[in-house]
Protein backbone atom coordinates (compact mmCIF):
# COMPACT_ATOMS: atom_id res chain seq x y z
CA MET A 1 -9.96 29.10 6.26
CA PRO A 2 -6.82 28.05 7.30
CA LEU A 3 -6.18 31.09 9.34
CA VAL A 4 -9.42 30.34 11.00
CA VAL A 5 -8.31 26.84 11.61
CA LEU A 6 -5.10 27.89 13.09
CA CYS A 7 -6.79 30.62 15.29
CA THR A 8 -9.27 27.94 16.65
CA ILE A 9 -6.43 25.67 17.71
CA VAL A 10 -4.47 28.37 19.47
CA ALA A 11 -8.04 29.59 21.07
CA GLY A 12 -8.63 25.77 22.20
CA LEU A 13 -5.02 25.52 23.61
CA GLY A 14 -5.76 28.26 25.42
CA LEU A 15 -8.84 27.76 26.90
CA ALA A 16 -7.52 24.23 27.82
CA TRP A 17 -4.82 25.61 29.90
CA LEU A 18 -7.10 28.47 31.63
CA SER A 19 -9.71 25.56 32.50
CA ASN A 20 -7.44 24.26 35.07
CA PHE A 21 -8.12 27.52 36.99
CA PHE A 22 -11.90 27.70 36.70
CA ASP A 23 -13.51 25.51 39.15
CA SER A 24 -17.05 25.91 37.52
CA ASP A 25 -15.55 24.24 34.35
CA GLU A 26 -13.86 21.56 36.22
CA ILE A 27 -17.00 20.51 38.12
CA LEU A 28 -19.02 20.35 35.03
CA LYS A 29 -16.45 18.13 33.58
CA ARG A 30 -16.38 15.80 36.44
CA LEU A 31 -20.26 15.48 36.02
CA ALA A 32 -20.21 14.63 32.56
CA ALA A 33 -17.37 12.07 33.41
CA ARG A 34 -19.44 10.37 36.15
CA SER A 35 -22.01 9.45 33.39
CA PHE A 36 -19.47 8.78 30.63
CA ALA A 37 -16.76 6.70 32.26
CA PRO A 38 -18.54 3.21 32.89
CA LEU A 39 -18.71 3.32 28.53
CA LEU A 40 -15.19 3.06 28.62
CA THR A 41 -15.00 0.08 30.54
CA GLN A 42 -17.63 -2.12 28.52
CA ASP A 43 -14.75 -4.03 26.82
CA TYR A 44 -12.64 -4.27 30.06
CA GLY A 45 -10.99 -7.57 30.14
CA THR A 46 -11.40 -9.91 33.46
CA GLN A 47 -7.94 -11.13 34.04
CA GLY A 48 -7.24 -8.88 37.14
CA GLN A 49 -10.48 -10.05 38.59
CA ALA A 50 -9.56 -13.43 38.42
CA ARG A 51 -6.59 -12.68 40.37
CA ILE A 52 -8.00 -10.32 43.30
CA ALA A 53 -10.08 -10.88 46.17
CA VAL A 54 -10.97 -8.03 48.86
CA VAL A 55 -11.52 -9.42 52.51
CA THR A 56 -13.32 -6.75 54.45
CA ILE A 57 -14.09 -6.51 58.21
CA ASP A 58 -17.27 -4.44 58.91
CA ASP A 59 -19.58 -4.45 61.73
CA GLY A 60 -21.70 -7.38 61.32
CA ASP A 61 -18.39 -9.52 60.93
CA LEU A 62 -17.18 -7.74 64.39
CA ASP A 63 -20.35 -8.94 65.77
CA GLU A 64 -20.26 -12.67 64.76
CA TYR A 65 -16.88 -12.80 66.57
CA GLY A 66 -18.17 -10.46 69.67
CA LEU A 67 -15.53 -7.85 69.24
CA THR A 68 -15.14 -3.80 68.84
CA TRP A 69 -12.82 -1.85 66.88
CA PRO A 70 -9.91 -1.71 67.40
CA VAL A 71 -9.54 -5.44 67.67
CA PRO A 72 -6.79 -7.28 69.23
CA LEU A 73 -3.77 -8.21 67.32
CA ASP A 74 -4.77 -12.00 67.70
CA PHE A 75 -7.69 -11.40 65.43
CA HIS A 76 -5.36 -10.22 62.38
CA GLN A 77 -3.10 -13.03 63.56
CA ARG A 78 -5.83 -15.95 63.14
CA LEU A 79 -7.33 -13.92 60.06
CA ILE A 80 -3.58 -13.86 58.11
CA GLY A 81 -3.07 -17.45 59.23
CA ARG A 82 -6.56 -18.65 57.70
CA ILE A 83 -5.77 -16.72 54.63
CA ALA A 84 -2.35 -18.05 54.37
CA ALA A 85 -3.65 -21.44 54.58
CA HIS A 86 -5.31 -21.08 50.87
CA GLN A 87 -2.04 -20.14 49.41
CA PRO A 88 -2.93 -16.67 48.00
CA ARG A 89 0.08 -15.05 45.59
CA ALA A 90 0.26 -12.41 48.05
CA VAL A 91 -1.59 -10.65 51.09
CA PHE A 92 -2.07 -7.07 51.73
CA LEU A 93 -3.15 -5.74 55.21
CA ASP A 94 -4.80 -1.86 54.59
CA VAL A 95 -4.49 -1.33 58.53
CA VAL A 96 -1.94 1.32 60.01
CA PHE A 97 -0.72 0.33 63.33
CA LEU A 98 -0.43 3.81 65.28
CA ASP A 99 -0.28 2.58 68.73
CA ASP A 100 1.70 0.28 70.68
CA ARG A 101 0.19 -3.36 71.56
CA PRO A 102 0.91 -5.94 74.27
CA GLN A 103 4.01 -7.61 73.42
CA PRO A 104 2.90 -11.35 73.53
CA GLN A 105 0.22 -10.14 70.83
CA VAL A 106 2.78 -8.60 68.73
CA GLU A 107 5.03 -11.66 68.93
CA ARG A 108 2.22 -14.10 67.68
CA LEU A 109 1.29 -11.69 65.29
CA ARG A 110 5.37 -12.05 63.84
CA GLU A 111 5.14 -15.60 64.01
CA ALA A 112 1.64 -15.80 61.68
CA VAL A 113 3.48 -13.25 59.24
CA CYS A 114 6.85 -15.10 59.02
CA ALA A 115 5.13 -18.80 58.84
CA ALA A 116 2.95 -17.28 55.98
CA ALA A 117 6.16 -15.90 54.25
CA ALA A 118 8.02 -19.14 55.05
CA ASN A 119 5.28 -21.15 53.30
CA GLY A 120 5.78 -18.81 49.65
CA VAL A 121 2.91 -16.17 50.84
CA PRO A 122 4.62 -12.73 50.92
CA PHE A 123 2.92 -10.34 53.35
CA TYR A 124 2.52 -6.59 52.79
CA TYR A 125 1.44 -3.75 54.95
CA ALA A 126 0.54 -0.34 54.96
CA THR A 127 2.57 2.36 56.64
CA TYR A 128 3.01 6.26 56.84
CA GLN A 129 6.54 5.68 56.97
CA ARG A 130 7.22 8.07 59.52
CA VAL A 131 9.36 7.66 62.33
CA ASP A 132 6.89 9.87 65.22
CA LEU A 133 4.09 7.59 64.08
CA SER A 134 5.93 4.05 64.36
CA SER A 135 4.20 1.73 67.16
CA ASN A 136 6.12 -1.39 68.15
CA VAL A 137 3.76 -3.48 65.89
CA GLU A 138 5.39 -1.54 63.05
CA LEU A 139 9.06 -2.04 64.44
CA MET A 140 8.16 -5.85 64.41
CA LEU A 141 6.90 -5.98 61.00
CA SER A 142 10.02 -4.13 59.91
CA THR A 143 12.66 -6.25 61.73
CA ALA A 144 10.98 -9.62 61.45
CA ARG A 145 12.93 -12.28 59.44
CA THR A 146 12.13 -15.91 58.42
CA PRO A 147 14.94 -18.51 59.20
CA THR A 148 16.76 -17.87 55.95
CA GLY A 149 17.11 -14.42 56.86
CA GLU A 150 14.40 -12.92 54.32
CA ARG A 151 12.14 -10.20 55.51
CA CYS A 152 8.74 -11.69 56.53
CA ALA A 153 6.81 -8.03 55.53
CA GLN A 154 7.32 -5.54 53.15
CA PRO A 155 6.07 -1.96 53.88
CA VAL A 156 4.17 0.05 51.20
CA ARG A 157 2.44 3.29 51.12
CA ALA A 158 -1.45 3.29 50.62
CA PRO A 159 -2.07 6.95 49.25
CA VAL A 160 -5.87 7.73 48.53
CA GLU A 161 -5.75 10.96 46.62
CA VAL A 162 -9.32 12.39 46.83
CA ASP A 163 -10.18 14.70 44.05
CA ARG A 164 -10.49 18.60 45.81
CA LEU A 165 -13.72 19.38 43.91
CA ASP A 166 -15.93 16.43 43.83
CA GLN A 167 -14.16 14.22 46.44
CA HIS A 168 -14.30 11.05 44.01
CA GLN A 169 -11.19 8.77 43.39
CA TRP A 170 -10.26 9.87 39.90
CA VAL A 171 -6.94 9.00 39.98
CA TYR A 172 -4.17 6.76 42.08
CA PRO A 173 -0.63 7.89 42.39
CA LEU A 174 1.86 5.25 41.58
CA ASN A 175 4.84 6.79 43.20
CA PRO A 176 3.24 9.08 46.13
CA ALA A 177 5.21 12.03 46.59
CA SER A 178 7.49 12.26 49.73
CA GLY A 179 6.32 14.49 52.76
CA PRO A 180 8.60 16.79 54.72
CA ALA A 181 12.18 15.77 54.82
CA ALA A 182 12.64 15.75 58.45
CA HIS A 183 10.08 12.70 58.79
CA ASP A 184 10.98 10.71 55.71
CA ARG A 185 13.11 7.60 55.85
CA ALA A 186 15.95 7.10 53.48
CA ARG A 187 13.92 4.70 50.85
CA ARG A 188 10.46 5.69 50.23
CA ALA A 189 8.10 2.83 49.58
CA PRO A 190 5.81 2.79 46.71
CA SER A 191 2.20 2.28 46.25
CA VAL A 192 0.38 -0.87 47.15
CA ALA A 193 -0.51 -1.74 43.35
CA LEU A 194 2.57 -0.82 41.81
CA THR A 195 4.28 -3.11 44.49
CA LEU A 196 2.14 -5.87 43.93
CA HIS A 197 2.18 -6.09 40.27
CA CYS A 198 5.82 -5.30 39.89
CA LEU A 199 7.20 -7.81 42.20
CA HIS A 200 4.72 -10.58 40.85
CA ASP A 201 5.00 -9.59 36.96
CA PRO A 202 8.16 -7.74 36.55
CA GLN A 203 7.79 -8.12 32.99
CA ASN A 204 4.79 -5.59 32.72
CA CYS A 205 5.92 -3.47 35.26
CA PRO A 206 5.51 0.38 33.89
CA ARG A 207 8.85 1.86 33.44
CA ASP A 208 7.63 5.56 34.07
CA THR A 209 5.28 6.42 36.57
CA SER A 210 5.38 9.90 36.91
CA GLU A 211 1.93 10.66 35.61
CA PRO A 212 -0.79 9.24 38.12
CA MET A 213 -2.77 6.50 36.91
CA ALA A 214 -6.50 7.54 35.60
CA LEU A 215 -8.63 4.53 37.58
CA LEU A 216 -10.90 3.01 35.33
CA TRP A 217 -13.88 1.45 37.58
CA PRO A 218 -15.14 -1.45 35.71
CA THR A 219 -19.10 -2.39 36.44
CA ALA A 220 -19.72 -5.82 35.90
CA ALA A 221 -19.32 -6.81 39.58
CA ALA A 222 -18.09 -10.29 40.57
CA ALA A 223 -21.11 -12.60 40.71
CA SER A 224 -20.67 -13.63 44.31
CA ASN A 225 -20.97 -9.76 45.45
CA LEU A 226 -24.55 -9.42 44.41
CA GLU A 227 -25.38 -12.73 46.84
CA ILE A 228 -23.36 -11.77 49.98
CA MET A 229 -23.79 -7.95 49.87
CA VAL A 230 -27.29 -8.17 51.39
CA ARG A 231 -29.35 -6.77 54.22
CA PRO A 232 -32.20 -8.68 56.15
CA ARG A 233 -35.99 -7.35 55.47
CA MET A 234 -38.00 -5.39 57.73
CA ASP A 235 -40.61 -8.21 58.08
CA GLY A 236 -37.68 -10.76 58.99
CA LYS A 237 -38.33 -12.75 55.89
CA GLY A 238 -35.31 -13.19 53.68
CA TYR A 239 -32.69 -10.60 52.60
CA ASP A 240 -32.76 -7.71 50.10
CA PRO A 241 -29.43 -7.00 48.05
CA ILE A 242 -27.88 -3.72 48.67
CA CYS A 243 -26.36 -3.23 45.65
CA ARG A 244 -27.15 -4.21 41.75
CA GLY A 245 -24.54 -6.07 39.62
CA GLU A 246 -25.34 -4.94 36.20
CA TRP A 247 -25.21 -1.11 34.31
CA HIS A 248 -27.17 -0.36 31.53
CA TRP A 249 -25.54 2.15 28.64
CA SER A 250 -28.87 4.32 29.20
CA GLU A 251 -27.37 5.65 32.04
CA ALA A 252 -24.62 7.46 30.31
CA VAL A 253 -27.38 9.38 28.32
CA PRO A 254 -27.50 13.02 29.42
CA PHE A 255 -31.01 13.60 31.72
CA ASN A 256 -31.08 9.59 32.24
CA GLY A 257 -32.77 10.40 35.56
CA LEU A 258 -35.39 12.93 34.07
CA ALA A 259 -36.08 10.31 31.32
CA ARG A 260 -36.65 7.58 33.91
CA ARG A 261 -39.09 9.53 36.03
CA VAL A 262 -40.96 10.51 33.01
CA TRP A 263 -41.19 6.58 32.30
CA HIS A 264 -42.36 5.89 35.48
CA TRP A 265 -45.19 8.78 35.42
CA VAL A 266 -46.11 7.26 31.85
CA TRP A 267 -46.67 3.92 33.45
CA ALA A 268 -48.12 5.48 36.94
CA GLN A 269 -45.35 3.93 38.77
CA GLU A 270 -43.63 5.21 41.96
CA TYR A 271 -40.26 6.01 41.13
CA GLN A 272 -37.19 4.67 43.19
CA LYS A 273 -33.54 5.37 42.64
CA PRO A 274 -31.66 2.73 41.41
CA ALA A 275 -29.33 1.24 43.85
CA PRO A 276 -25.52 1.62 43.71
CA LEU A 277 -23.45 -0.83 41.71
CA CYS A 278 -21.67 -3.57 43.75
CA PRO A 279 -18.15 -3.77 43.81
CA TYR A 280 -16.06 -4.94 40.82
CA ASN A 281 -13.55 -7.10 42.82
CA GLN A 282 -14.92 -10.12 44.69
CA VAL A 283 -15.52 -9.44 48.25
CA VAL A 284 -15.01 -11.84 50.93
CA PRO A 285 -16.27 -10.82 54.31
CA ALA A 286 -14.54 -11.77 57.62
CA SER A 287 -17.27 -13.88 58.66
CA ALA A 288 -16.65 -16.21 55.77
CA PHE A 289 -14.08 -18.20 57.63
CA LYS A 290 -16.87 -18.88 60.21
CA GLY A 291 -18.86 -20.64 57.26
CA ILE A 292 -21.26 -17.54 56.75
CA GLY A 293 -22.25 -17.14 53.10
CA PHE A 294 -19.29 -19.21 51.67
CA THR A 295 -18.56 -23.09 51.69
CA ALA A 296 -15.01 -24.11 52.45
CA GLU A 297 -14.73 -25.02 48.67
CA GLU A 298 -16.22 -21.57 47.63
CA LEU A 299 -13.89 -20.03 50.06
CA ASP A 300 -10.80 -21.75 48.74
CA HIS A 301 -11.70 -20.93 45.15
CA ALA A 302 -12.10 -17.06 46.16
CA LEU A 303 -8.52 -17.16 47.69
CA ARG A 304 -6.27 -19.44 46.19
CA GLU A 305 -3.59 -18.04 44.04
CA ARG A 306 -5.07 -14.47 44.47
CA PHE A 307 -3.86 -11.06 45.55
CA VAL A 308 -5.75 -10.61 48.62
CA LEU A 309 -6.32 -7.14 50.15
CA ILE A 310 -7.61 -6.99 53.61
CA GLY A 311 -9.73 -3.64 54.88
CA VAL A 312 -12.14 -2.52 57.04
CA ASP A 313 -15.71 -1.08 56.53
CA LEU A 314 -16.81 0.19 59.59
CA ILE A 315 -19.08 3.08 60.45
CA ALA A 316 -16.98 4.27 63.23
CA ILE A 317 -13.43 4.34 60.86
CA ASN A 318 -13.53 6.90 58.12
CA ASP A 319 -11.39 4.68 55.57
CA HIS A 320 -13.76 5.25 52.56
CA VAL A 321 -13.38 6.50 48.96
CA LEU A 322 -16.03 7.80 46.49
CA SER A 323 -15.90 5.91 43.08
CA PRO A 324 -17.61 7.92 40.34
CA VAL A 325 -19.39 4.77 39.27
CA HIS A 326 -19.95 2.76 42.34
CA GLY A 327 -20.37 5.72 45.12
CA ARG A 328 -19.19 4.89 48.64
CA LEU A 329 -16.65 2.20 48.88
CA PRO A 330 -14.40 1.09 51.47
CA GLY A 331 -10.84 2.33 50.93
CA VAL A 332 -9.09 -0.96 50.07
CA HIS A 333 -10.99 -1.30 46.73
CA ALA A 334 -9.11 2.00 45.50
CA HIS A 335 -6.02 0.07 45.87
CA ALA A 336 -7.66 -3.33 44.46
CA VAL A 337 -8.93 -1.51 41.12
CA ALA A 338 -5.65 -0.04 40.65
CA LEU A 339 -3.90 -3.24 40.94
CA ASP A 340 -6.61 -4.67 38.51
CA ASN A 341 -6.04 -1.66 35.84
CA LEU A 342 -2.39 -2.77 35.80
CA ILE A 343 -3.02 -6.27 35.74
CA THR A 344 -5.49 -6.11 32.86
CA LEU A 345 -3.92 -3.33 30.78
CA ASN A 346 -0.47 -5.40 31.10
CA GLY A 347 1.05 -2.32 32.91
CA ARG A 348 -0.10 0.28 29.96
CA TYR A 349 -2.17 2.26 32.49
CA MET A 350 -4.19 5.12 31.63
CA GLY A 351 -3.04 8.92 32.05
CA GLY A 352 -4.50 10.87 34.52
CA GLY A 353 -2.46 14.34 34.25
CA GLY A 354 -3.74 17.38 32.85
CA PHE A 355 -2.64 19.94 30.25
CA GLU A 356 0.77 21.34 30.68
CA TRP A 357 2.99 23.54 28.41
CA PRO A 358 6.15 21.58 27.50
CA TRP A 359 8.35 24.10 29.31
CA ASP A 360 9.01 25.30 32.57
CA GLY A 361 10.21 29.02 32.58
CA TRP A 362 13.12 28.81 30.17
CA THR A 363 13.52 24.90 30.20
CA TRP A 364 12.21 22.66 27.92
CA THR A 365 10.73 19.95 29.77
CA GLY A 366 8.79 17.92 26.79
CA TRP A 367 5.45 16.91 25.54
CA GLN A 368 3.03 14.98 27.70
CA LYS A 369 0.87 12.68 26.61
CA ALA A 370 -2.23 14.82 27.83
CA THR A 371 -0.89 17.71 26.11
CA LEU A 372 -0.37 15.95 22.85
CA PHE A 373 -3.82 14.54 23.16
CA SER A 374 -5.27 18.08 23.41
CA LEU A 375 -3.35 19.22 20.45
CA ALA A 376 -4.69 16.31 18.57
CA SER A 377 -8.01 16.67 19.19
CA LEU A 378 -8.18 20.52 18.86
CA CYS A 379 -6.76 19.82 15.25
CA LEU A 380 -9.84 17.28 14.69
CA VAL A 381 -12.17 19.67 16.15
CA ALA A 382 -10.77 22.62 14.00
CA GLY A 383 -10.19 20.72 10.93
CA ALA A 384 -13.66 19.26 10.83
CA LEU A 385 -16.05 21.83 12.65
CA VAL A 386 -14.66 25.14 11.11
CA PRO A 387 -15.17 23.89 7.27
CA TYR A 388 -18.80 22.58 8.23
CA LYS A 389 -19.64 25.46 10.17
CA CYS A 390 -18.44 27.71 6.97
CA TRP A 391 -20.62 25.51 4.71
CA GLN A 392 -23.58 25.85 6.93
CA ARG A 393 -23.75 29.26 7.04
CA GLY A 394 -23.08 29.58 3.46
CA ARG A 395 -25.87 27.39 2.64
CA LEU A 396 -28.44 29.34 4.82
CA LYS A 397 -27.34 32.81 3.73
CA ALA A 398 -27.75 31.51 -0.22
CA ALA A 399 -31.31 30.05 0.90
CA ARG A 400 -32.40 33.55 2.73
CA THR A 401 -31.03 35.39 -0.37
CA ALA A 402 -32.83 33.45 -2.79
CA HIS A 403 -36.16 33.49 -0.61
CA ALA A 404 -35.87 37.34 -0.45
CA ALA A 405 -35.31 37.64 -4.24
CA SER A 406 -38.15 35.54 -4.88
CA ARG A 407 -40.61 37.66 -2.62
CA LYS A 408 -39.31 40.75 -4.15
CA SER A 409 -39.60 39.54 -7.66
CA ALA A 410 -43.61 38.92 -7.49
CA PRO A 411 -45.06 42.11 -5.53
CA PHE A 412 -48.63 42.62 -5.15
CA GLN A 413 -50.19 43.62 -8.27
CA SER A 414 -53.37 45.32 -7.08
CA TRP A 415 -55.36 45.39 -3.81
CA GLU A 416 -58.02 42.84 -4.85
CA ARG A 417 -55.14 40.33 -4.79
CA PHE A 418 -54.06 41.53 -1.75
CA ALA A 419 -57.40 41.08 -0.29
CA ASP A 420 -57.81 37.36 -1.83
CA LEU A 421 -54.42 36.38 -0.10
CA ALA A 422 -55.74 37.61 3.33
CA ARG A 423 -58.97 35.78 2.91
CA ARG A 424 -57.02 32.50 2.03
CA HIS A 425 -54.75 33.11 4.99
CA ALA A 426 -57.91 33.40 7.44
CA GLY A 427 -59.29 30.27 5.98
CA THR A 428 -56.16 28.47 6.31
CA ARG A 429 -55.95 29.69 9.96
CA GLY A 430 -59.65 28.50 10.54
CA LYS A 431 -58.99 24.80 9.24
CA ALA A 432 -55.55 24.59 11.21
CA LEU A 433 -57.53 25.44 14.06
CA ARG A 434 -60.04 22.89 13.32
CA TRP A 435 -57.55 20.13 12.65
CA LEU A 436 -55.83 21.04 15.90
CA VAL A 437 -59.03 20.61 18.17
CA LEU A 438 -59.78 17.69 16.23
CA GLY A 439 -55.95 16.13 16.85
CA ALA A 440 -56.38 16.90 20.32
CA LEU A 441 -59.74 15.08 20.94
CA LEU A 442 -58.36 12.27 18.97
CA VAL A 443 -55.20 11.72 21.36
CA TRP A 444 -57.48 12.30 24.22
CA LEU A 445 -59.72 9.49 22.85
CA LEU A 446 -56.91 7.22 22.16
CA ALA A 447 -55.34 7.76 25.59
CA TYR A 448 -58.56 6.87 27.43
CA LEU A 449 -58.83 3.70 25.49
CA CYS A 450 -55.41 2.76 26.09
CA SER A 451 -55.63 3.27 29.80
CA ALA A 452 -59.06 1.37 29.93
CA ALA A 453 -57.03 -1.42 28.17
CA GLY A 454 -54.62 -1.64 30.79
CA GLY A 455 -51.98 0.25 29.01
CA PRO A 456 -50.10 3.41 29.67
CA GLY A 457 -52.60 5.83 28.35
CA ARG A 458 -50.09 8.96 29.15
CA LEU A 459 -47.68 7.83 26.83
CA LEU A 460 -50.07 9.37 24.13
CA ILE A 461 -49.96 12.60 25.60
CA LEU A 462 -46.02 12.72 25.28
CA LEU A 463 -46.05 12.92 21.42
CA PRO A 464 -47.81 16.54 21.28
CA LEU A 465 -46.05 17.90 24.17
CA THR A 466 -42.75 16.81 22.54
CA LEU A 467 -43.71 18.06 19.33
CA ALA A 468 -44.63 21.52 21.11
CA LEU A 469 -41.39 21.58 23.16
CA TRP A 470 -39.44 20.88 19.76
CA MET A 471 -41.10 23.82 18.10
CA LEU A 472 -40.40 26.45 21.06
CA LEU A 473 -36.71 25.16 21.10
CA SER A 474 -36.18 24.98 17.06
CA GLY A 475 -38.03 28.41 16.64
CA GLN A 476 -39.89 26.85 13.69
CA PRO A 477 -43.02 24.61 12.62
CA VAL A 478 -42.28 20.82 13.12
CA PHE A 479 -43.74 20.06 9.44
CA GLY A 480 -43.38 23.86 8.00
CA ARG A 481 -43.35 23.72 4.32
CA HIS A 482 -40.90 26.86 4.09
CA ASP A 483 -37.83 26.03 2.19
CA VAL A 484 -35.52 27.96 4.66
CA HIS A 485 -37.14 26.24 7.79
CA ARG A 486 -36.70 22.63 6.06
CA LEU A 487 -32.98 23.80 5.36
CA ALA A 488 -32.41 24.97 8.73
CA LEU A 489 -34.01 21.95 10.20
CA GLY A 490 -31.86 19.56 8.01
CA LEU A 491 -28.63 21.35 8.92
CA ARG A 492 -29.20 21.06 12.55
CA VAL A 493 -29.92 17.38 12.18
CA THR A 494 -26.58 17.13 10.30
CA GLU A 495 -24.78 19.22 12.79
CA VAL A 496 -25.63 16.73 15.57
CA LEU A 497 -24.37 14.07 13.26
CA VAL A 498 -20.93 15.81 12.70
CA TYR A 499 -20.69 16.48 16.47
CA ALA A 500 -21.31 12.92 17.33
CA LEU A 501 -18.90 11.57 14.59
CA VAL A 502 -15.99 14.31 16.01
CA THR A 503 -16.96 12.88 19.27
CA LEU A 504 -16.49 9.38 18.85
CA ALA A 505 -13.25 10.34 17.03
CA ILE A 506 -12.12 12.27 20.13
CA VAL A 507 -13.09 9.18 22.47
CA CYS A 508 -10.90 6.67 20.21
CA LEU A 509 -8.07 8.94 19.65
CA GLY A 510 -7.79 9.52 23.69
CA PHE A 511 -8.66 6.42 24.83
CA GLY A 512 -7.14 4.11 22.22
CA VAL A 513 -4.18 5.98 21.11
CA PHE A 514 -2.88 8.17 23.89
CA ARG A 515 -4.21 6.16 26.55
CA GLN A 516 -5.77 8.99 28.68
CA GLY A 517 -8.41 8.76 31.47
CA PRO A 518 -12.37 9.62 31.42
CA LEU A 519 -11.42 12.75 32.86
CA VAL A 520 -8.91 13.97 30.18
CA VAL A 521 -11.34 12.68 27.36
CA VAL A 522 -14.42 14.28 28.52
CA GLU A 523 -12.78 17.49 28.69
CA TYR A 524 -11.89 17.46 24.81
CA VAL A 525 -15.08 15.88 23.78
CA GLY A 526 -16.88 19.18 25.53
CA LEU A 527 -14.91 21.34 22.95
CA THR A 528 -16.97 19.54 20.17
CA ALA A 529 -20.02 21.15 21.63
CA LEU A 530 -18.35 24.10 22.80
CA ALA A 531 -19.28 26.85 19.87
CA GLY A 532 -17.46 29.31 21.65
CA VAL A 533 -14.17 27.75 20.96
CA LEU A 534 -15.17 27.92 16.90
CA GLY A 535 -16.34 31.41 17.43
CA TRP A 536 -13.46 32.53 19.15
CA GLY A 537 -10.87 31.49 16.24
CA GLU A 538 -13.18 32.84 13.75
CA THR A 539 -13.06 36.22 15.37
CA VAL A 540 -9.58 36.32 16.08
CA ALA A 541 -8.76 35.10 12.57
CA ARG A 542 -11.09 38.09 11.13
CA HIS A 543 -9.39 40.71 13.59
CA ALA A 544 -5.88 39.44 12.86
CA HIS A 545 -6.51 39.83 9.10
CA ALA A 546 -7.76 43.06 9.25
CA PHE A 547 -5.01 44.10 11.62
CA TRP A 548 -2.33 43.03 9.06
CA ARG A 549 -4.39 44.65 6.03
CA ALA A 550 -4.54 47.99 8.47
CA LEU A 551 -0.69 47.75 8.87
CA SER A 552 -0.28 47.87 4.91
CA ASP A 553 -2.44 50.90 4.68
CA GLY A 554 -1.34 54.57 4.50
CA ASP A 555 -3.34 55.42 7.67
CA PRO A 556 -3.18 52.23 9.87
CA VAL A 557 -5.42 53.99 12.79
CA GLU A 558 -8.28 54.94 10.02
CA ALA A 559 -8.33 51.55 8.28
CA TRP A 560 -8.74 49.75 11.90
CA ASN A 561 -11.65 52.47 12.89
CA ARG A 562 -13.26 51.48 9.67
CA HIS A 563 -13.07 47.59 10.31
CA ALA A 564 -14.50 48.42 13.75
CA ALA A 565 -17.51 50.38 12.13
CA GLU A 566 -18.12 47.48 9.85
CA GLU A 567 -18.22 45.04 12.61
CA ALA A 568 -20.50 47.19 14.75
CA ASP A 569 -22.98 47.57 11.49
CA LYS A 570 -22.87 43.56 11.50
CA ARG A 571 -24.07 43.01 15.05
CA ILE A 572 -26.68 45.86 14.60
CA ASP A 573 -28.11 44.49 11.03
CA PRO A 574 -26.66 41.04 10.51
């Protein structure tokens, strides 16, 4: 057994490395993570939510101000001035100015930015930091100074790393990689989230940011989002919310969409797909500064002493991200959630790296956290499931052997005994058929009475359908009296429980000890259900043992051929 455990770990490490090259496996992993990820945030704190606000500019806001995109710089100047009046902790503008603007507007924007900085409100702006893309607006922002000589604005990079397989925002690079050297400036600015967090909370600034951060998208949206994110009804009477504020744990159950459809079918209701979740961080539309949706007191409470991130949510501007939990969101929410993760987790962010060997060529690079977690989880899987599978096979083999021996020890004594058993069997089949027809009539009668009383009559039909489906999947009677059948059913139930316990242990190990993100945790949770890995480990161990024995034989080739013949006999007649 120790050899089987060792070979299982080695096979699992090889599979973890190879999975990076199989897109089909990676896609399945992401599908599972989209259902599983919200469970990791059920105990997520609210420290970041209480310190972050997202100001959005959408098409409705532009209609209120009578503007079209791109808006004049005067709009940004007035918006920054009104936000700075509420004394936020800092302001970040997620708009890159690529075109030159009229010089008077540029000067007024400089005055607003420097006035905010002089009043203790730091201002940050997004930039590509490329000389060929710099405009007179960026030039002004990079050179503007307060009367005391301090910089009025700080440039930060706003990277959005889209996943190449499902286009969702799973990770957030804290220190974006530099572009072509010819277009790089001498000093590269870090990301938005890292800059805001470290400059305003240096004690909890992460020291090592080489590993990308796995984003945790919390589900408990700010209470005001459900009230302000609405659309008018078709009849013009009132508004309907465009998102929902709660996430239910049942959404993490596999095939939960099918279960919801079955539930609506039982109650004879029309199925409607659930609305997406509202954004986690508090949203303040730009129209709120005209008194729409927020009172003066509510607006001051939403902005004072908070990090305010300004972004756009326009149809004509492709500045959006796909959250694995919330769906399509304005791109500024990726920076808000990343900053929220750093604040709530006190800088100890979740890792978003993959499995990597601890060497590069002949150079030892050290163990990554994701690699150590993969090794620990594989040891847990092999150490728990390999002994259980061996014990399970032993129990089933002993039961089948005992059953076969009992049948051989009581042969038919005469033709009369065989005929008597045949007559009894025919009577049993008749009784079973009568009971089956009677049960079907009873179920139909109960369903009719339940439906007549206003209840879900279709619910009773699910019971026989479920039992029939279980019989087809398990290959045995649900209430069978065969000893081997009962043992096999009990072992399958026990196997599910063992897998569940190992899965829970891996989740706690990856999320609580190694601090890995949803994609990494889901990858190794899948190993508990991947019976092929266990089979590969046992197969490799059996062949390795036979190979070692063949080397010590007088004729190694003949010994290996005998082993191959025995393996073929097992496959033909197990």
